[in-house]
Amino acid sequence: MSSSNTPRTDARTVRNLAFIGTGNMNGAILRGILASGFDAGNITATVRGRDKAAALAADTGVRTLATHDDAAANSHAVAEADVVFLGVKPVGIQDACRDIAAALKPEAVVVSVAAAVTTAMIEAGLPAGQPVVRSMPNTPLTVGKGVVALSGGTSASEADVAAVVGLFSGAGLVRVVPEEQLDAVSAVSGSGPAYAFYLAEAMARAGEELGLDAELSRDLARATVAGAGAMLDDPAADPSQLRTAVTSPNGTTQAALEGFDAAGIPAGIASGARAAADRAAEITRELAG
């Protein structure tokens, strides 16, 4: 992160946002920021087709531009932006940077949402000194329960990072971490919602195997995972203590947990997280060429 004393955008002066691409993750960020109270009239988003642009505008109230209709849509979108969210796929990041580089305000903060794309890769495609912040968000942002990890690039000041923290803070937990930790963060919270959904699926299947109706079993699993998540939402919550509180000695829950341990589930989760982190690092190497 830069130690420059040059004034930068801070959380109090962010007036205009641009979203380059509104796929699953950037769309979740957009909706999370809107839900936190940001004025839709100060947001411009680009999408590929005219119909999608019209649908997004009707759904969110933001100004939308279709890249199929206007080859310069991305540069038009960022011209007045204080913060720009790059939500294209990793392989498209360099093209997106070239699209917007000449139109960016020098102080505009460019936030990458693309997994495995380093700040150095993005900085290489932008004007020298352009502030870049890399983010690792997850999809529960859409319901105000997201997790976002942020890392500032070489030209990003503390105020630049603070601006991005401020935008995300209304939609979930935000933490600033060293960039080298983002692959591990991705393995825990970035991919983590899928782990919880996977657990709910497995619980529902187990209920069916025990004789429950499929719809009932699905409802029980869904509501149970959601309720447990709500209990964990307390910042003081300790997962171990919560587990212990519902585990009576020699009871049914203890029998289940012992079965999980015997099946190697903790090791399986660790192995899966390691595989996710390793794949993120592999993608970074592939993109670096």
C-alpha atoms as a PDB file:
ATOM      1  CA  MET A   1       0.000   0.000   0.000  1.00  0.00           C
ATOM      2  CA  SER A   2       1.339   3.403  -0.948  1.00  0.00           C
ATOM      3  CA  SER A   3       2.659   5.763   1.723  1.00  0.00           C
ATOM      4  CA  SER A   4       2.102   8.758  -0.562  1.00  0.00           C
ATOM      5  CA  ASN A   5       0.674  11.887   1.013  1.00  0.00           C
ATOM      6  CA  THR A   6      -1.270  12.740  -2.147  1.00  0.00           C
ATOM      7  CA  PRO A   7      -4.945  13.273  -1.221  1.00  0.00           C
ATOM      8  CA  ARG A   8      -7.114  10.387  -2.304  1.00  0.00           C
ATOM      9  CA  THR A   9     -10.787   9.492  -2.313  1.00  0.00           C
ATOM     10  CA  ASP A  10     -12.067   8.633   1.149  1.00  0.00           C
ATOM     11  CA  ALA A  11     -15.319   7.067   2.313  1.00  0.00           C
ATOM     12  CA  ARG A  12     -16.954  10.475   2.836  1.00  0.00           C
ATOM     13  CA  THR A  13     -16.342  11.707  -0.709  1.00  0.00           C
ATOM     14  CA  VAL A  14     -17.388   8.699  -2.780  1.00  0.00           C
ATOM     15  CA  ARG A  15     -20.225  10.035  -4.880  1.00  0.00           C
ATOM     16  CA  ASN A  16     -20.166   8.046  -8.110  1.00  0.00           C
ATOM     17  CA  LEU A  17     -19.629   4.343  -8.709  1.00  0.00           C
ATOM     18  CA  ALA A  18     -19.135   2.311 -11.864  1.00  0.00           C
ATOM     19  CA  PHE A  19     -19.641  -1.427 -12.260  1.00  0.00           C
ATOM     20  CA  ILE A  20     -17.940  -3.005 -15.253  1.00  0.00           C
ATOM     21  CA  GLY A  21     -19.943  -6.193 -15.645  1.00  0.00           C
ATOM     22  CA  THR A  22     -22.766  -7.289 -13.379  1.00  0.00           C
ATOM     23  CA  GLY A  23     -22.422 -11.052 -13.229  1.00  0.00           C
ATOM     24  CA  ASN A  24     -22.992 -13.108 -10.101  1.00  0.00           C
ATOM     25  CA  MET A  25     -20.369 -11.470  -7.883  1.00  0.00           C
ATOM     26  CA  ASN A  26     -20.382  -7.904  -9.171  1.00  0.00           C
ATOM     27  CA  GLY A  27     -24.175  -8.065  -9.217  1.00  0.00           C
ATOM     28  CA  ALA A  28     -24.140  -9.178  -5.586  1.00  0.00           C
ATOM     29  CA  ILE A  29     -21.834  -6.295  -4.680  1.00  0.00           C
ATOM     30  CA  LEU A  30     -24.065  -3.829  -6.527  1.00  0.00           C
ATOM     31  CA  ARG A  31     -27.172  -5.020  -4.701  1.00  0.00           C
ATOM     32  CA  GLY A  32     -25.381  -5.083  -1.368  1.00  0.00           C
ATOM     33  CA  ILE A  33     -24.218  -1.500  -1.781  1.00  0.00           C
ATOM     34  CA  LEU A  34     -27.713  -0.418  -2.832  1.00  0.00           C
ATOM     35  CA  ALA A  35     -29.187  -2.193   0.195  1.00  0.00           C
ATOM     36  CA  SER A  36     -26.796  -0.248   2.428  1.00  0.00           C
ATOM     37  CA  GLY A  37     -28.402   2.979   1.218  1.00  0.00           C
ATOM     38  CA  PHE A  38     -26.146   4.190  -1.614  1.00  0.00           C
ATOM     39  CA  ASP A  39     -28.031   6.334  -4.161  1.00  0.00           C
ATOM     40  CA  ALA A  40     -28.813   4.302  -7.293  1.00  0.00           C
ATOM     41  CA  GLY A  41     -28.774   7.540  -9.291  1.00  0.00           C
ATOM     42  CA  ASN A  42     -25.021   7.799  -8.712  1.00  0.00           C
ATOM     43  CA  ILE A  43     -24.206   4.356 -10.075  1.00  0.00           C
ATOM     44  CA  THR A  44     -23.484   3.385 -13.696  1.00  0.00           C
ATOM     45  CA  ALA A  45     -23.196  -0.258 -14.731  1.00  0.00           C
ATOM     46  CA  THR A  46     -22.284  -1.928 -17.993  1.00  0.00           C
ATOM     47  CA  VAL A  47     -23.713  -5.195 -19.269  1.00  0.00           C
ATOM     48  CA  ARG A  48     -23.396  -6.941 -22.595  1.00  0.00           C
ATOM     49  CA  GLY A  49     -26.850  -6.772 -24.134  1.00  0.00           C
ATOM     50  CA  ARG A  50     -29.580  -4.151 -24.434  1.00  0.00           C
ATOM     51  CA  ASP A  51     -32.244  -6.388 -22.874  1.00  0.00           C
ATOM     52  CA  LYS A  52     -30.047  -7.155 -19.859  1.00  0.00           C
ATOM     53  CA  ALA A  53     -29.278  -3.456 -19.481  1.00  0.00           C
ATOM     54  CA  ALA A  54     -32.968  -2.596 -19.476  1.00  0.00           C
ATOM     55  CA  ALA A  55     -33.747  -5.355 -16.974  1.00  0.00           C
ATOM     56  CA  LEU A  56     -30.984  -4.250 -14.600  1.00  0.00           C
ATOM     57  CA  ALA A  57     -32.090  -0.625 -14.784  1.00  0.00           C
ATOM     58  CA  ALA A  58     -35.686  -1.600 -14.034  1.00  0.00           C
ATOM     59  CA  ASP A  59     -34.624  -3.841 -11.153  1.00  0.00           C
ATOM     60  CA  THR A  60     -32.114  -1.537  -9.460  1.00  0.00           C
ATOM     61  CA  GLY A  61     -32.647   2.001 -10.740  1.00  0.00           C
ATOM     62  CA  VAL A  62     -28.998   2.388 -11.764  1.00  0.00           C
ATOM     63  CA  ARG A  63     -27.913   3.857 -15.093  1.00  0.00           C
ATOM     64  CA  THR A  64     -26.983   1.024 -17.450  1.00  0.00           C
ATOM     65  CA  LEU A  65     -24.982   0.894 -20.666  1.00  0.00           C
ATOM     66  CA  ALA A  66     -24.876  -2.042 -23.089  1.00  0.00           C
ATOM     67  CA  THR A  67     -21.443  -2.883 -24.464  1.00  0.00           C
ATOM     68  CA  HIS A  68     -23.000  -4.572 -27.520  1.00  0.00           C
ATOM     69  CA  ASP A  69     -24.557  -1.245 -28.495  1.00  0.00           C
ATOM     70  CA  ASP A  70     -21.613   0.970 -27.583  1.00  0.00           C
ATOM     71  CA  ALA A  71     -18.021  -0.206 -27.831  1.00  0.00           C
ATOM     72  CA  ALA A  72     -17.003   2.672 -25.560  1.00  0.00           C
ATOM     73  CA  ALA A  73     -19.613   1.873 -22.886  1.00  0.00           C
ATOM     74  CA  ASN A  74     -17.024   0.880 -20.296  1.00  0.00           C
ATOM     75  CA  SER A  75     -15.007   4.061 -20.718  1.00  0.00           C
ATOM     76  CA  HIS A  76     -18.179   6.163 -20.599  1.00  0.00           C
ATOM     77  CA  ALA A  77     -19.228   4.405 -17.395  1.00  0.00           C
ATOM     78  CA  VAL A  78     -16.038   5.192 -15.493  1.00  0.00           C
ATOM     79  CA  ALA A  79     -15.499   8.785 -16.609  1.00  0.00           C
ATOM     80  CA  GLU A  80     -17.007  10.343 -13.467  1.00  0.00           C
ATOM     81  CA  ALA A  81     -16.553   7.418 -11.099  1.00  0.00           C
ATOM     82  CA  ASP A  82     -14.777   7.702  -7.771  1.00  0.00           C
ATOM     83  CA  VAL A  83     -14.679   3.917  -7.408  1.00  0.00           C
ATOM     84  CA  VAL A  84     -14.820   1.370 -10.236  1.00  0.00           C
ATOM     85  CA  PHE A  85     -15.678  -2.301  -9.666  1.00  0.00           C
ATOM     86  CA  LEU A  86     -14.183  -4.635 -12.269  1.00  0.00           C
ATOM     87  CA  GLY A  87     -16.468  -7.653 -12.321  1.00  0.00           C
ATOM     88  CA  VAL A  88     -15.389  -9.378 -15.519  1.00  0.00           C
ATOM     89  CA  LYS A  89     -13.936 -12.888 -15.627  1.00  0.00           C
ATOM     90  CA  PRO A  90     -10.213 -13.193 -14.850  1.00  0.00           C
ATOM     91  CA  VAL A  91      -9.317 -13.777 -18.499  1.00  0.00           C
ATOM     92  CA  GLY A  92     -11.057 -10.528 -19.430  1.00  0.00           C
ATOM     93  CA  ILE A  93      -9.410  -8.265 -16.861  1.00  0.00           C
ATOM     94  CA  GLN A  94      -6.650  -6.989 -19.131  1.00  0.00           C
ATOM     95  CA  ASP A  95      -9.123  -6.093 -21.877  1.00  0.00           C
ATOM     96  CA  ALA A  96     -11.323  -4.304 -19.332  1.00  0.00           C
ATOM     97  CA  CYS A  97      -8.342  -2.340 -18.043  1.00  0.00           C
ATOM     98  CA  ARG A  98      -7.481  -1.246 -21.574  1.00  0.00           C
ATOM     99  CA  ASP A  99     -11.098  -0.180 -22.119  1.00  0.00           C
ATOM    100  CA  ILE A 100     -11.160   2.137 -19.127  1.00  0.00           C
ATOM    101  CA  ALA A 101      -7.551   3.267 -18.653  1.00  0.00           C
ATOM    102  CA  ALA A 102      -7.748   6.530 -20.595  1.00  0.00           C
ATOM    103  CA  ALA A 103     -11.112   7.542 -19.100  1.00  0.00           C
ATOM    104  CA  LEU A 104     -10.320   7.057 -15.408  1.00  0.00           C
ATOM    105  CA  LYS A 105      -9.901  10.007 -13.099  1.00  0.00           C
ATOM    106  CA  PRO A 106      -6.361   9.803 -11.646  1.00  0.00           C
ATOM    107  CA  GLU A 107      -7.750   9.456  -8.120  1.00  0.00           C
ATOM    108  CA  ALA A 108     -10.401   6.849  -8.997  1.00  0.00           C
ATOM    109  CA  VAL A 109      -9.994   3.613  -7.057  1.00  0.00           C
ATOM    110  CA  VAL A 110     -10.238   0.486  -9.209  1.00  0.00           C
ATOM    111  CA  VAL A 111     -11.541  -2.533  -7.295  1.00  0.00           C
ATOM    112  CA  SER A 112     -10.932  -5.980  -8.732  1.00  0.00           C
ATOM    113  CA  VAL A 113     -13.541  -8.628  -8.022  1.00  0.00           C
ATOM    114  CA  ALA A 114     -11.845 -11.283 -10.187  1.00  0.00           C
ATOM    115  CA  ALA A 115     -10.474 -14.265  -8.292  1.00  0.00           C
ATOM    116  CA  ALA A 116      -6.754 -14.969  -8.623  1.00  0.00           C
ATOM    117  CA  VAL A 117      -5.978 -11.696 -10.443  1.00  0.00           C
ATOM    118  CA  THR A 118      -3.265  -9.855  -8.531  1.00  0.00           C
ATOM    119  CA  THR A 119      -3.109  -6.115  -8.006  1.00  0.00           C
ATOM    120  CA  ALA A 120       0.130  -6.091 -10.037  1.00  0.00           C
ATOM    121  CA  MET A 121      -1.678  -7.580 -13.037  1.00  0.00           C
ATOM    122  CA  ILE A 122      -4.331  -4.879 -12.883  1.00  0.00           C
ATOM    123  CA  GLU A 123      -1.863  -2.068 -12.275  1.00  0.00           C
ATOM    124  CA  ALA A 124       0.038  -3.139 -15.391  1.00  0.00           C
ATOM    125  CA  GLY A 125      -3.007  -2.334 -17.533  1.00  0.00           C
ATOM    126  CA  LEU A 126      -3.803   1.034 -15.931  1.00  0.00           C
ATOM    127  CA  PRO A 127      -2.070   4.418 -15.798  1.00  0.00           C
ATOM    128  CA  ALA A 128       0.924   4.574 -13.474  1.00  0.00           C
ATOM    129  CA  GLY A 129      -0.135   5.431  -9.946  1.00  0.00           C
ATOM    130  CA  GLN A 130      -3.788   4.433 -10.380  1.00  0.00           C
ATOM    131  CA  PRO A 131      -5.059   3.157  -7.003  1.00  0.00           C
ATOM    132  CA  VAL A 132      -6.044  -0.514  -7.151  1.00  0.00           C
ATOM    133  CA  VAL A 133      -7.719  -2.595  -4.453  1.00  0.00           C
ATOM    134  CA  ARG A 134      -8.208  -6.334  -4.804  1.00  0.00           C
ATOM    135  CA  SER A 135     -11.295  -7.805  -3.180  1.00  0.00           C
ATOM    136  CA  MET A 136     -12.428 -11.288  -2.262  1.00  0.00           C
ATOM    137  CA  PRO A 137     -16.182 -11.047  -1.598  1.00  0.00           C
ATOM    138  CA  ASN A 138     -18.857 -13.704  -1.370  1.00  0.00           C
ATOM    139  CA  THR A 139     -22.448 -13.859  -2.564  1.00  0.00           C
ATOM    140  CA  PRO A 140     -24.244 -13.402   0.804  1.00  0.00           C
ATOM    141  CA  LEU A 141     -23.555  -9.709   0.230  1.00  0.00           C
ATOM    142  CA  THR A 142     -26.938  -9.707  -1.487  1.00  0.00           C
ATOM    143  CA  VAL A 143     -28.655 -10.271   1.869  1.00  0.00           C
ATOM    144  CA  GLY A 144     -26.367  -8.054   3.916  1.00  0.00           C
ATOM    145  CA  LYS A 145     -24.453 -10.998   5.382  1.00  0.00           C
ATOM    146  CA  GLY A 146     -21.423 -11.077   3.150  1.00  0.00           C
ATOM    147  CA  VAL A 147     -17.729 -11.413   3.890  1.00  0.00           C
ATOM    148  CA  VAL A 148     -15.182  -9.305   2.018  1.00  0.00           C
ATOM    149  CA  ALA A 149     -11.407  -9.338   2.281  1.00  0.00           C
ATOM    150  CA  LEU A 150      -9.496  -6.414   0.755  1.00  0.00           C
ATOM    151  CA  SER A 151      -5.873  -5.798  -0.178  1.00  0.00           C
ATOM    152  CA  GLY A 152      -4.472  -2.507  -1.470  1.00  0.00           C
ATOM    153  CA  GLY A 153      -2.033  -2.343  -4.372  1.00  0.00           C
ATOM    154  CA  THR A 154       1.230  -0.428  -4.507  1.00  0.00           C
ATOM    155  CA  SER A 155      -0.453   2.925  -5.260  1.00  0.00           C
ATOM    156  CA  ALA A 156      -3.464   2.534  -2.976  1.00  0.00           C
ATOM    157  CA  SER A 157      -3.342   4.746   0.097  1.00  0.00           C
ATOM    158  CA  GLU A 158      -4.994   3.966   3.414  1.00  0.00           C
ATOM    159  CA  ALA A 159      -7.731   6.419   2.423  1.00  0.00           C
ATOM    160  CA  ASP A 160      -8.307   4.543  -0.831  1.00  0.00           C
ATOM    161  CA  VAL A 161      -8.724   1.267   1.008  1.00  0.00           C
ATOM    162  CA  ALA A 162     -10.931   2.986   3.590  1.00  0.00           C
ATOM    163  CA  ALA A 163     -13.203   4.190   0.784  1.00  0.00           C
ATOM    164  CA  VAL A 164     -13.738   0.620  -0.371  1.00  0.00           C
ATOM    165  CA  VAL A 165     -14.195  -0.642   3.192  1.00  0.00           C
ATOM    166  CA  GLY A 166     -16.875   1.991   3.651  1.00  0.00           C
ATOM    167  CA  LEU A 167     -18.755   0.851   0.551  1.00  0.00           C
ATOM    168  CA  PHE A 168     -18.752  -2.793   1.601  1.00  0.00           C
ATOM    169  CA  SER A 169     -19.321  -2.312   5.328  1.00  0.00           C
ATOM    170  CA  GLY A 170     -23.095  -2.014   5.085  1.00  0.00           C
ATOM    171  CA  ALA A 171     -23.360  -5.413   3.442  1.00  0.00           C
ATOM    172  CA  GLY A 172     -21.327  -7.630   5.733  1.00  0.00           C
ATOM    173  CA  LEU A 173     -18.015  -8.301   7.469  1.00  0.00           C
ATOM    174  CA  VAL A 174     -15.020  -6.522   5.902  1.00  0.00           C
ATOM    175  CA  ARG A 175     -11.381  -7.272   6.668  1.00  0.00           C
ATOM    176  CA  VAL A 176      -8.171  -5.831   5.198  1.00  0.00           C
ATOM    177  CA  VAL A 177      -5.488  -8.509   4.761  1.00  0.00           C
ATOM    178  CA  PRO A 178      -2.085  -8.859   3.077  1.00  0.00           C
ATOM    179  CA  GLU A 179      -2.561  -9.852  -0.559  1.00  0.00           C
ATOM    180  CA  GLU A 180      -0.638 -13.088  -0.114  1.00  0.00           C
ATOM    181  CA  GLN A 181      -3.422 -14.295   2.207  1.00  0.00           C
ATOM    182  CA  LEU A 182      -6.237 -13.847  -0.298  1.00  0.00           C
ATOM    183  CA  ASP A 183      -6.028 -17.375  -1.696  1.00  0.00           C
ATOM    184  CA  ALA A 184      -6.569 -18.723   1.827  1.00  0.00           C
ATOM    185  CA  VAL A 185      -9.412 -16.260   2.358  1.00  0.00           C
ATOM    186  CA  SER A 186     -10.952 -17.443  -0.894  1.00  0.00           C
ATOM    187  CA  ALA A 187     -10.794 -21.026   0.314  1.00  0.00           C
ATOM    188  CA  VAL A 188     -12.633 -20.173   3.551  1.00  0.00           C
ATOM    189  CA  SER A 189     -15.132 -17.410   2.824  1.00  0.00           C
ATOM    190  CA  GLY A 190     -15.053 -16.914  -0.942  1.00  0.00           C
ATOM    191  CA  SER A 191     -16.035 -20.509  -1.658  1.00  0.00           C
ATOM    192  CA  GLY A 192     -17.501 -20.970   1.818  1.00  0.00           C
ATOM    193  CA  PRO A 193     -21.173 -20.345   0.983  1.00  0.00           C
ATOM    194  CA  ALA A 194     -21.035 -23.336  -1.351  1.00  0.00           C
ATOM    195  CA  TYR A 195     -19.739 -25.449   1.544  1.00  0.00           C
ATOM    196  CA  ALA A 196     -22.755 -24.472   3.654  1.00  0.00           C
ATOM    197  CA  PHE A 197     -25.140 -25.234   0.787  1.00  0.00           C
ATOM    198  CA  TYR A 198     -23.340 -28.553   0.247  1.00  0.00           C
ATOM    199  CA  LEU A 199     -23.897 -29.375   3.929  1.00  0.00           C
ATOM    200  CA  ALA A 200     -27.594 -28.554   3.631  1.00  0.00           C
ATOM    201  CA  GLU A 201     -27.867 -30.800   0.563  1.00  0.00           C
ATOM    202  CA  ALA A 202     -26.157 -33.653   2.412  1.00  0.00           C
ATOM    203  CA  MET A 203     -28.416 -33.221   5.448  1.00  0.00           C
ATOM    204  CA  ALA A 204     -31.501 -33.285   3.233  1.00  0.00           C
ATOM    205  CA  ARG A 205     -30.353 -36.485   1.515  1.00  0.00           C
ATOM    206  CA  ALA A 206     -29.641 -38.065   4.905  1.00  0.00           C
ATOM    207  CA  GLY A 207     -33.171 -37.225   6.038  1.00  0.00           C
ATOM    208  CA  GLU A 208     -34.630 -38.892   2.966  1.00  0.00           C
ATOM    209  CA  GLU A 209     -32.535 -41.995   3.598  1.00  0.00           C
ATOM    210  CA  LEU A 210     -33.992 -42.066   7.120  1.00  0.00           C
ATOM    211  CA  GLY A 211     -37.504 -42.059   5.678  1.00  0.00           C
ATOM    212  CA  LEU A 212     -38.496 -38.395   5.588  1.00  0.00           C
ATOM    213  CA  ASP A 213     -40.433 -36.901   2.719  1.00  0.00           C
ATOM    214  CA  ALA A 214     -38.046 -35.123   0.312  1.00  0.00           C
ATOM    215  CA  GLU A 215     -39.671 -31.705   0.679  1.00  0.00           C
ATOM    216  CA  LEU A 216     -39.839 -31.950   4.463  1.00  0.00           C
ATOM    217  CA  SER A 217     -36.231 -33.082   4.686  1.00  0.00           C
ATOM    218  CA  ARG A 218     -35.097 -30.208   2.458  1.00  0.00           C
ATOM    219  CA  ASP A 219     -37.038 -27.677   4.531  1.00  0.00           C
ATOM    220  CA  LEU A 220     -35.606 -29.039   7.783  1.00  0.00           C
ATOM    221  CA  ALA A 221     -32.038 -28.916   6.460  1.00  0.00           C
ATOM    222  CA  ARG A 222     -32.432 -25.454   4.945  1.00  0.00           C
ATOM    223  CA  ALA A 223     -33.967 -23.871   8.033  1.00  0.00           C
ATOM    224  CA  THR A 224     -31.498 -25.576  10.381  1.00  0.00           C
ATOM    225  CA  VAL A 225     -28.408 -24.376   8.494  1.00  0.00           C
ATOM    226  CA  ALA A 226     -29.885 -20.882   8.193  1.00  0.00           C
ATOM    227  CA  GLY A 227     -30.744 -20.779  11.904  1.00  0.00           C
ATOM    228  CA  ALA A 228     -27.308 -21.964  12.948  1.00  0.00           C
ATOM    229  CA  GLY A 229     -25.802 -19.315  10.699  1.00  0.00           C
ATOM    230  CA  ALA A 230     -27.904 -16.652  12.396  1.00  0.00           C
ATOM    231  CA  MET A 231     -26.545 -17.752  15.781  1.00  0.00           C
ATOM    232  CA  LEU A 232     -23.001 -17.502  14.426  1.00  0.00           C
ATOM    233  CA  ASP A 233     -23.690 -13.970  13.207  1.00  0.00           C
ATOM    234  CA  ASP A 234     -23.093 -12.622  16.713  1.00  0.00           C
ATOM    235  CA  PRO A 235     -19.509 -11.246  16.685  1.00  0.00           C
ATOM    236  CA  ALA A 236     -18.967 -12.847  20.086  1.00  0.00           C
ATOM    237  CA  ALA A 237     -20.095 -16.282  18.896  1.00  0.00           C
ATOM    238  CA  ASP A 238     -17.623 -19.144  19.223  1.00  0.00           C
ATOM    239  CA  PRO A 239     -18.441 -22.102  16.940  1.00  0.00           C
ATOM    240  CA  SER A 240     -16.882 -24.556  19.365  1.00  0.00           C
ATOM    241  CA  GLN A 241     -18.938 -23.284  22.288  1.00  0.00           C
ATOM    242  CA  LEU A 242     -22.145 -23.306  20.248  1.00  0.00           C
ATOM    243  CA  ARG A 243     -21.477 -26.891  19.195  1.00  0.00           C
ATOM    244  CA  THR A 244     -20.757 -27.951  22.754  1.00  0.00           C
ATOM    245  CA  ALA A 245     -23.982 -26.350  23.984  1.00  0.00           C
ATOM    246  CA  VAL A 246     -26.112 -28.654  21.820  1.00  0.00           C
ATOM    247  CA  THR A 247     -24.021 -31.794  22.393  1.00  0.00           C
ATOM    248  CA  SER A 248     -25.201 -33.726  25.434  1.00  0.00           C
ATOM    249  CA  PRO A 249     -22.777 -36.370  26.712  1.00  0.00           C
ATOM    250  CA  ASN A 250     -23.606 -39.774  25.225  1.00  0.00           C
ATOM    251  CA  GLY A 251     -26.543 -38.222  23.353  1.00  0.00           C
ATOM    252  CA  THR A 252     -27.665 -38.321  19.746  1.00  0.00           C
ATOM    253  CA  THR A 253     -25.674 -35.261  18.673  1.00  0.00           C
ATOM    254  CA  GLN A 254     -22.483 -36.658  20.147  1.00  0.00           C
ATOM    255  CA  ALA A 255     -23.087 -39.905  18.255  1.00  0.00           C
ATOM    256  CA  ALA A 256     -23.483 -37.942  15.017  1.00  0.00           C
ATOM    257  CA  LEU A 257     -20.329 -35.897  15.583  1.00  0.00           C
ATOM    258  CA  GLU A 258     -18.329 -39.005  16.375  1.00  0.00           C
ATOM    259  CA  GLY A 259     -19.609 -40.465  13.121  1.00  0.00           C
ATOM    260  CA  PHE A 260     -18.430 -37.376  11.255  1.00  0.00           C
ATOM    261  CA  ASP A 261     -14.995 -37.649  12.849  1.00  0.00           C
ATOM    262  CA  ALA A 262     -14.775 -41.339  11.996  1.00  0.00           C
ATOM    263  CA  ALA A 263     -15.672 -40.554   8.386  1.00  0.00           C
ATOM    264  CA  GLY A 264     -12.848 -38.021   8.224  1.00  0.00           C
ATOM    265  CA  ILE A 265     -15.073 -35.019   7.605  1.00  0.00           C
ATOM    266  CA  PRO A 266     -12.797 -32.452   9.347  1.00  0.00           C
ATOM    267  CA  ALA A 267      -9.847 -33.675   7.268  1.00  0.00           C
ATOM    268  CA  GLY A 268     -12.042 -33.628   4.172  1.00  0.00           C
ATOM    269  CA  ILE A 269     -12.967 -30.000   4.743  1.00  0.00           C
ATOM    270  CA  ALA A 270      -9.311 -29.079   5.249  1.00  0.00           C
ATOM    271  CA  SER A 271      -8.407 -30.960   2.074  1.00  0.00           C
ATOM    272  CA  GLY A 272     -11.113 -29.176   0.108  1.00  0.00           C
ATOM    273  CA  ALA A 273     -10.027 -25.766   1.351  1.00  0.00           C
ATOM    274  CA  ARG A 274      -6.435 -26.571   0.437  1.00  0.00           C
ATOM    275  CA  ALA A 275      -7.559 -27.621  -3.038  1.00  0.00           C
ATOM    276  CA  ALA A 276      -9.433 -24.335  -3.449  1.00  0.00           C
ATOM    277  CA  ALA A 277      -6.402 -22.286  -2.373  1.00  0.00           C
ATOM    278  CA  ASP A 278      -4.091 -24.306  -4.619  1.00  0.00           C
ATOM    279  CA  ARG A 279      -6.419 -23.824  -7.584  1.00  0.00           C
ATOM    280  CA  ALA A 280      -6.505 -20.061  -6.982  1.00  0.00           C
ATOM    281  CA  ALA A 281      -2.709 -19.977  -7.031  1.00  0.00           C
ATOM    282  CA  GLU A 282      -2.676 -22.102 -10.192  1.00  0.00           C
ATOM    283  CA  ILE A 283      -5.093 -19.728 -11.938  1.00  0.00           C
ATOM    284  CA  THR A 284      -2.853 -16.792 -10.985  1.00  0.00           C
ATOM    285  CA  ARG A 285       0.118 -18.524 -12.585  1.00  0.00           C
ATOM    286  CA  GLU A 286      -1.898 -19.297 -15.723  1.00  0.00           C
ATOM    287  CA  LEU A 287      -2.997 -15.677 -16.052  1.00  0.00           C
ATOM    288  CA  ALA A 288       0.564 -14.446 -15.515  1.00  0.00           C
ATOM    289  CA  GLY A 289       1.506 -16.509 -18.509  1.00  0.00           C
END
